[in-house]
Amino acid sequence: MSILDEILEKGKGVVSSVSKNTDTAVRFSKLKVKATQLSSDIKVKNEKLGAIIYDMVKTNVKENEEFDALIAQIDEDYAKLAEISAQLDELKNVVTCTHCGAKTKNENSYCPKCGTKLPERKVEEQAEDNKDDEV
């Protein structure tokens, strides 16, 4: 293999790496925007919920369909936010401790805050990591 071929191969590797990092950065940014929008929506719905509760207390009404529907919508938004948070953690290579909720590096076996054993990474993820090491 000539020097020019080696340079081209290394160049292709660099371009591939930069492209992968750019894709990750774009995905991360889009997820952050979604998380911010959802948080804002939740805040607005919580304010509306407070107004409904105030009216319910003032009018001495115990049940309100709008109240129940709003609670369900807020629960859905929190579930979506949790999914986005998990995707962001995956992109950042962090895991959340199931005991204390602390976030730590994916490579750690135990939580540095409370010492609880962290969930093991999936076999597929480990295989991909090994494949990246070979390149």
N, C-alpha and C. Protein backbone atom coordinates (compact mmCIF):
# COMPACT_ATOMS: atom_id res chain seq x y z
N MET A 1 0.85 -1.17 0.00
CA MET A 1 0.00 0.00 0.00
C MET A 1 0.90 1.24 0.00
N SER A 2 0.59 2.15 -0.88
CA SER A 2 1.41 3.35 -0.99
C SER A 2 1.06 4.35 0.10
N ILE A 3 1.91 5.32 0.25
CA ILE A 3 1.68 6.37 1.25
C ILE A 3 0.38 7.10 0.95
N LEU A 4 0.11 7.34 -0.31
CA LEU A 4 -1.12 8.04 -0.70
C LEU A 4 -2.35 7.23 -0.30
N ASP A 5 -2.30 5.91 -0.49
CA ASP A 5 -3.41 5.06 -0.10
C ASP A 5 -3.63 5.10 1.41
N GLU A 6 -2.51 5.10 2.16
CA GLU A 6 -2.62 5.17 3.62
C GLU A 6 -3.23 6.49 4.07
N ILE A 7 -2.83 7.56 3.45
CA ILE A 7 -3.38 8.89 3.77
C ILE A 7 -4.87 8.94 3.46
N LEU A 8 -5.25 8.39 2.33
CA LEU A 8 -6.67 8.37 1.95
C LEU A 8 -7.48 7.54 2.94
N GLU A 9 -6.96 6.40 3.36
CA GLU A 9 -7.67 5.55 4.32
C GLU A 9 -7.85 6.27 5.66
N LYS A 10 -6.78 6.91 6.11
CA LYS A 10 -6.87 7.66 7.37
C LYS A 10 -7.85 8.82 7.23
N GLY A 11 -7.82 9.46 6.09
CA GLY A 11 -8.75 10.57 5.84
C GLY A 11 -10.19 10.11 5.86
N LYS A 12 -10.45 8.96 5.27
CA LYS A 12 -11.81 8.40 5.29
C LYS A 12 -12.26 8.11 6.71
N GLY A 13 -11.33 7.59 7.51
CA GLY A 13 -11.65 7.29 8.91
C GLY A 13 -11.98 8.56 9.68
N VAL A 14 -11.23 9.62 9.44
CA VAL A 14 -11.48 10.89 10.12
C VAL A 14 -12.83 11.46 9.70
N VAL A 15 -13.11 11.44 8.41
CA VAL A 15 -14.39 11.95 7.91
C VAL A 15 -15.55 11.16 8.49
N SER A 16 -15.40 9.85 8.55
CA SER A 16 -16.44 9.00 9.12
C SER A 16 -16.68 9.34 10.59
N SER A 17 -15.60 9.53 11.33
CA SER A 17 -15.70 9.86 12.75
C SER A 17 -16.36 11.22 12.95
N VAL A 18 -15.97 12.20 12.17
CA VAL A 18 -16.55 13.54 12.27
C VAL A 18 -18.03 13.49 11.93
N SER A 19 -18.38 12.74 10.89
CA SER A 19 -19.78 12.61 10.49
C SER A 19 -20.61 11.99 11.60
N LYS A 20 -20.07 10.95 12.23
CA LYS A 20 -20.78 10.28 13.33
C LYS A 20 -20.97 11.24 14.50
N ASN A 21 -19.93 12.00 14.84
CA ASN A 21 -20.03 12.97 15.94
C ASN A 21 -21.02 14.08 15.63
N THR A 22 -21.07 14.51 14.38
CA THR A 22 -22.02 15.55 13.98
C THR A 22 -23.44 15.03 14.08
N ASP A 23 -23.67 13.81 13.63
CA ASP A 23 -25.00 13.21 13.73
C ASP A 23 -25.44 13.12 15.19
N THR A 24 -24.52 12.72 16.05
CA THR A 24 -24.83 12.61 17.48
C THR A 24 -25.17 13.98 18.05
N ALA A 25 -24.40 15.00 17.68
CA ALA A 25 -24.63 16.35 18.19
C ALA A 25 -25.99 16.88 17.73
N VAL A 26 -26.34 16.62 16.49
CA VAL A 26 -27.64 17.07 15.97
C VAL A 26 -28.78 16.35 16.70
N ARG A 27 -28.64 15.05 16.88
CA ARG A 27 -29.67 14.28 17.59
C ARG A 27 -29.82 14.78 19.03
N PHE A 28 -28.68 15.03 19.68
CA PHE A 28 -28.68 15.53 21.05
C PHE A 28 -29.40 16.88 21.13
N SER A 29 -29.10 17.77 20.20
CA SER A 29 -29.73 19.10 20.18
C SER A 29 -31.23 19.01 19.98
N LYS A 30 -31.65 18.15 19.06
CA LYS A 30 -33.09 17.99 18.81
C LYS A 30 -33.80 17.45 20.05
N LEU A 31 -33.18 16.49 20.73
CA LEU A 31 -33.78 15.94 21.95
C LEU A 31 -33.86 16.99 23.05
N LYS A 32 -32.82 17.83 23.17
CA LYS A 32 -32.84 18.89 24.18
C LYS A 32 -33.97 19.88 23.90
N VAL A 33 -34.19 20.21 22.63
CA VAL A 33 -35.27 21.12 22.26
C VAL A 33 -36.62 20.51 22.63
N LYS A 34 -36.79 19.21 22.31
CA LYS A 34 -38.05 18.53 22.66
C LYS A 34 -38.26 18.52 24.17
N ALA A 35 -37.20 18.27 24.93
CA ALA A 35 -37.30 18.23 26.39
C ALA A 35 -37.69 19.61 26.92
N THR A 36 -37.12 20.65 26.37
CA THR A 36 -37.44 22.01 26.80
C THR A 36 -38.89 22.34 26.48
N GLN A 37 -39.35 21.96 25.30
CA GLN A 37 -40.74 22.21 24.92
C GLN A 37 -41.70 21.46 25.83
N LEU A 38 -41.39 20.19 26.11
CA LEU A 38 -42.25 19.40 27.00
C LEU A 38 -42.28 19.99 28.40
N SER A 39 -41.14 20.42 28.91
CA SER A 39 -41.08 21.03 30.24
C SER A 39 -41.93 22.29 30.29
N SER A 40 -41.87 23.07 29.23
CA SER A 40 -42.68 24.29 29.14
C SER A 40 -44.17 23.94 29.10
N ASP A 41 -44.53 22.93 28.32
CA ASP A 41 -45.93 22.48 28.25
C ASP A 41 -46.43 22.01 29.61
N ILE A 42 -45.58 21.27 30.32
CA ILE A 42 -45.95 20.77 31.64
C ILE A 42 -46.18 21.93 32.60
N LYS A 43 -45.33 22.94 32.52
CA LYS A 43 -45.48 24.11 33.40
C LYS A 43 -46.81 24.81 33.13
N VAL A 44 -47.15 25.00 31.87
CA VAL A 44 -48.41 25.65 31.51
C VAL A 44 -49.60 24.83 32.01
N LYS A 45 -49.52 23.51 31.83
CA LYS A 45 -50.62 22.64 32.28
C LYS A 45 -50.73 22.63 33.79
N ASN A 46 -49.60 22.68 34.49
CA ASN A 46 -49.65 22.74 35.95
C ASN A 46 -50.30 24.04 36.44
N GLU A 47 -50.01 25.13 35.76
CA GLU A 47 -50.64 26.41 36.11
C GLU A 47 -52.16 26.34 35.88
N LYS A 48 -52.55 25.75 34.77
CA LYS A 48 -53.97 25.59 34.48
C LYS A 48 -54.61 24.67 35.51
N LEU A 49 -53.90 23.62 35.89
CA LEU A 49 -54.39 22.69 36.91
C LEU A 49 -54.61 23.41 38.24
N GLY A 50 -53.69 24.29 38.59
CA GLY A 50 -53.84 25.07 39.82
C GLY A 50 -55.09 25.94 39.78
N ALA A 51 -55.37 26.54 38.64
CA ALA A 51 -56.57 27.37 38.51
C ALA A 51 -57.83 26.52 38.64
N ILE A 52 -57.81 25.33 38.07
CA ILE A 52 -58.96 24.43 38.17
C ILE A 52 -59.17 24.01 39.62
N ILE A 53 -58.09 23.68 40.31
CA ILE A 53 -58.21 23.28 41.72
C ILE A 53 -58.75 24.44 42.55
N TYR A 54 -58.27 25.62 42.29
CA TYR A 54 -58.76 26.80 43.01
C TYR A 54 -60.26 26.95 42.82
N ASP A 55 -60.70 26.84 41.55
CA ASP A 55 -62.14 26.95 41.27
C ASP A 55 -62.92 25.83 41.94
N MET A 56 -62.38 24.62 41.96
CA MET A 56 -63.06 23.49 42.58
C MET A 56 -63.23 23.73 44.08
N VAL A 57 -62.20 24.25 44.71
CA VAL A 57 -62.28 24.52 46.15
C VAL A 57 -63.26 25.65 46.43
N LYS A 58 -63.19 26.71 45.64
CA LYS A 58 -64.07 27.86 45.85
C LYS A 58 -65.55 27.52 45.62
N THR A 59 -65.81 26.65 44.64
CA THR A 59 -67.20 26.31 44.33
C THR A 59 -67.65 25.05 45.06
N ASN A 60 -66.72 24.44 45.82
CA ASN A 60 -67.00 23.22 46.59
C ASN A 60 -67.43 22.06 45.68
N VAL A 61 -66.85 21.99 44.49
CA VAL A 61 -67.10 20.91 43.55
C VAL A 61 -65.97 19.90 43.71
N LYS A 62 -66.33 18.63 43.88
CA LYS A 62 -65.33 17.59 44.14
C LYS A 62 -64.80 16.93 42.87
N GLU A 63 -65.59 16.94 41.80
CA GLU A 63 -65.16 16.28 40.57
C GLU A 63 -65.24 17.25 39.40
N ASN A 64 -64.27 17.09 38.48
CA ASN A 64 -64.22 17.96 37.32
C ASN A 64 -63.55 17.16 36.19
N GLU A 65 -64.25 17.02 35.07
CA GLU A 65 -63.72 16.25 33.94
C GLU A 65 -62.45 16.88 33.37
N GLU A 66 -62.43 18.20 33.32
CA GLU A 66 -61.25 18.90 32.80
C GLU A 66 -60.03 18.62 33.68
N PHE A 67 -60.25 18.53 34.99
CA PHE A 67 -59.19 18.21 35.94
C PHE A 67 -58.60 16.84 35.64
N ASP A 68 -59.46 15.84 35.49
CA ASP A 68 -59.00 14.48 35.22
C ASP A 68 -58.25 14.38 33.88
N ALA A 69 -58.76 15.07 32.87
CA ALA A 69 -58.13 15.04 31.55
C ALA A 69 -56.75 15.71 31.61
N LEU A 70 -56.66 16.80 32.34
CA LEU A 70 -55.40 17.52 32.45
C LEU A 70 -54.35 16.69 33.21
N ILE A 71 -54.78 16.00 34.24
CA ILE A 71 -53.87 15.11 34.98
C ILE A 71 -53.32 14.04 34.03
N ALA A 72 -54.18 13.45 33.21
CA ALA A 72 -53.75 12.41 32.26
C ALA A 72 -52.75 12.99 31.25
N GLN A 73 -53.00 14.20 30.77
CA GLN A 73 -52.10 14.83 29.81
C GLN A 73 -50.73 15.10 30.44
N ILE A 74 -50.73 15.57 31.68
CA ILE A 74 -49.47 15.84 32.37
C ILE A 74 -48.69 14.54 32.58
N ASP A 75 -49.40 13.47 32.95
CA ASP A 75 -48.74 12.17 33.12
C ASP A 75 -48.09 11.70 31.81
N GLU A 76 -48.80 11.89 30.69
CA GLU A 76 -48.25 11.52 29.38
C GLU A 76 -47.01 12.34 29.06
N ASP A 77 -47.06 13.64 29.35
CA ASP A 77 -45.91 14.50 29.09
C ASP A 77 -44.70 14.08 29.93
N TYR A 78 -44.94 13.74 31.20
CA TYR A 78 -43.83 13.28 32.05
C TYR A 78 -43.24 11.97 31.52
N ALA A 79 -44.07 11.09 31.00
CA ALA A 79 -43.58 9.82 30.43
C ALA A 79 -42.72 10.10 29.20
N LYS A 80 -43.18 11.01 28.34
CA LYS A 80 -42.39 11.38 27.15
C LYS A 80 -41.06 12.02 27.57
N LEU A 81 -41.11 12.87 28.59
CA LEU A 81 -39.90 13.52 29.08
C LEU A 81 -38.90 12.49 29.62
N ALA A 82 -39.41 11.47 30.29
CA ALA A 82 -38.54 10.40 30.80
C ALA A 82 -37.88 9.64 29.65
N GLU A 83 -38.63 9.40 28.57
CA GLU A 83 -38.06 8.73 27.40
C GLU A 83 -36.95 9.57 26.78
N ILE A 84 -37.20 10.86 26.64
CA ILE A 84 -36.20 11.76 26.07
C ILE A 84 -34.96 11.80 26.96
N SER A 85 -35.18 11.86 28.25
CA SER A 85 -34.06 11.88 29.20
C SER A 85 -33.21 10.61 29.07
N ALA A 86 -33.87 9.47 28.90
CA ALA A 86 -33.14 8.21 28.73
C ALA A 86 -32.33 8.22 27.44
N GLN A 87 -32.90 8.79 26.37
CA GLN A 87 -32.17 8.88 25.10
C GLN A 87 -30.97 9.82 25.23
N LEU A 88 -31.14 10.92 25.96
CA LEU A 88 -30.03 11.85 26.17
C LEU A 88 -28.93 11.18 27.00
N ASP A 89 -29.33 10.43 28.02
CA ASP A 89 -28.35 9.71 28.84
C ASP A 89 -27.56 8.72 27.99
N GLU A 90 -28.25 8.06 27.07
CA GLU A 90 -27.58 7.10 26.19
C GLU A 90 -26.54 7.81 25.31
N LEU A 91 -26.93 8.97 24.79
CA LEU A 91 -25.99 9.73 23.95
C LEU A 91 -24.79 10.23 24.76
N LYS A 92 -25.02 10.54 26.03
CA LYS A 92 -23.94 11.04 26.90
C LYS A 92 -23.16 9.90 27.55
N ASN A 93 -23.58 8.66 27.29
CA ASN A 93 -22.95 7.48 27.88
C ASN A 93 -22.98 7.50 29.40
N VAL A 94 -24.16 7.83 29.95
CA VAL A 94 -24.35 7.79 31.40
C VAL A 94 -25.50 6.86 31.73
N VAL A 95 -25.49 6.38 32.97
CA VAL A 95 -26.55 5.51 33.46
C VAL A 95 -27.04 6.10 34.77
N THR A 96 -28.31 5.88 35.08
CA THR A 96 -28.90 6.39 36.31
C THR A 96 -29.01 5.27 37.32
N CYS A 97 -28.55 5.54 38.54
CA CYS A 97 -28.63 4.56 39.62
C CYS A 97 -30.09 4.31 39.97
N THR A 98 -30.46 3.05 40.05
CA THR A 98 -31.85 2.71 40.36
C THR A 98 -32.17 2.95 41.83
N HIS A 99 -31.15 3.09 42.66
CA HIS A 99 -31.38 3.29 44.09
C HIS A 99 -31.48 4.78 44.47
N CYS A 100 -30.49 5.58 44.06
CA CYS A 100 -30.46 6.98 44.51
C CYS A 100 -30.74 7.98 43.39
N GLY A 101 -30.75 7.53 42.13
CA GLY A 101 -31.05 8.43 41.02
C GLY A 101 -29.86 9.21 40.49
N ALA A 102 -28.67 8.98 41.05
CA ALA A 102 -27.47 9.67 40.58
C ALA A 102 -27.09 9.18 39.19
N LYS A 103 -26.53 10.07 38.39
CA LYS A 103 -26.07 9.71 37.05
C LYS A 103 -24.56 9.53 37.10
N THR A 104 -24.09 8.50 36.41
CA THR A 104 -22.66 8.20 36.40
C THR A 104 -22.27 7.61 35.05
N LYS A 105 -20.98 7.47 34.83
CA LYS A 105 -20.48 6.94 33.57
C LYS A 105 -21.00 5.52 33.33
N ASN A 106 -21.22 5.22 32.08
CA ASN A 106 -21.74 3.91 31.68
C ASN A 106 -20.80 2.76 32.05
N GLU A 107 -19.49 3.02 32.12
CA GLU A 107 -18.52 1.97 32.40
C GLU A 107 -18.52 1.53 33.85
N ASN A 108 -19.02 2.38 34.75
CA ASN A 108 -18.98 2.05 36.17
C ASN A 108 -19.88 0.87 36.49
N SER A 109 -19.42 0.03 37.40
CA SER A 109 -20.21 -1.13 37.85
C SER A 109 -21.05 -0.78 39.07
N TYR A 110 -20.57 0.20 39.85
CA TYR A 110 -21.26 0.59 41.08
C TYR A 110 -21.45 2.10 41.10
N CYS A 111 -22.51 2.53 41.75
CA CYS A 111 -22.82 3.95 41.87
C CYS A 111 -21.79 4.61 42.79
N PRO A 112 -21.15 5.69 42.33
CA PRO A 112 -20.16 6.35 43.18
C PRO A 112 -20.80 7.10 44.35
N LYS A 113 -22.10 7.35 44.28
CA LYS A 113 -22.77 8.08 45.36
C LYS A 113 -23.23 7.16 46.48
N CYS A 114 -23.89 6.04 46.13
CA CYS A 114 -24.47 5.18 47.17
C CYS A 114 -23.88 3.77 47.20
N GLY A 115 -23.12 3.39 46.17
CA GLY A 115 -22.48 2.08 46.16
C GLY A 115 -23.32 0.94 45.62
N THR A 116 -24.55 1.23 45.18
CA THR A 116 -25.42 0.19 44.64
C THR A 116 -24.88 -0.30 43.30
N LYS A 117 -25.01 -1.61 43.05
CA LYS A 117 -24.59 -2.17 41.77
C LYS A 117 -25.48 -1.60 40.67
N LEU A 118 -24.85 -1.10 39.63
CA LEU A 118 -25.59 -0.49 38.52
C LEU A 118 -26.04 -1.56 37.54
N PRO A 119 -27.11 -1.28 36.78
CA PRO A 119 -27.56 -2.25 35.77
C PRO A 119 -26.45 -2.48 34.75
N GLU A 120 -26.32 -3.72 34.32
CA GLU A 120 -25.29 -4.05 33.35
C GLU A 120 -25.71 -3.59 31.97
N ARG A 121 -24.70 -3.22 31.18
CA ARG A 121 -24.99 -2.81 29.81
C ARG A 121 -25.41 -4.02 29.01
N LYS A 122 -26.20 -3.76 27.97
CA LYS A 122 -26.66 -4.84 27.10
C LYS A 122 -25.49 -5.45 26.35
N VAL A 123 -25.61 -6.72 26.03
CA VAL A 123 -24.56 -7.44 25.30
C VAL A 123 -24.31 -6.79 23.95
N GLU A 124 -25.38 -6.31 23.29
CA GLU A 124 -25.23 -5.68 21.98
C GLU A 124 -24.34 -4.45 22.08
N GLU A 125 -24.52 -3.64 23.14
CA GLU A 125 -23.72 -2.44 23.31
C GLU A 125 -22.26 -2.79 23.50
N GLN A 126 -21.98 -3.83 24.27
CA GLN A 126 -20.60 -4.25 24.51
C GLN A 126 -19.97 -4.74 23.21
N ALA A 127 -20.72 -5.47 22.40
CA ALA A 127 -20.20 -5.96 21.13
C ALA A 127 -19.88 -4.79 20.20
N GLU A 128 -20.74 -3.76 20.18
CA GLU A 128 -20.49 -2.59 19.35
C GLU A 128 -19.23 -1.87 19.83
N ASP A 129 -19.06 -1.77 21.15
CA ASP A 129 -17.87 -1.12 21.68
C ASP A 129 -16.61 -1.86 21.24
N ASN A 130 -16.64 -3.17 21.29
CA ASN A 130 -15.49 -3.97 20.87
C ASN A 130 -15.23 -3.81 19.38
N LYS A 131 -16.28 -3.69 18.59
CA LYS A 131 -16.14 -3.51 17.14
C LYS A 131 -15.47 -2.18 16.85
N ASP A 132 -15.84 -1.11 17.61
CA ASP A 132 -15.24 0.19 17.42
C ASP A 132 -13.76 0.17 17.76
N ASP A 133 -13.37 -0.63 18.74
CA ASP A 133 -11.99 -0.72 19.16
C ASP A 133 -11.12 -1.36 18.06
N GLU A 134 -11.72 -2.23 17.26
CA GLU A 134 -10.98 -2.94 16.23
C GLU A 134 -10.62 -2.03 15.08
N VAL A 135 -11.39 -0.99 14.80
CA VAL A 135 -11.18 -0.13 13.65
C VAL A 135 -9.99 0.76 13.79
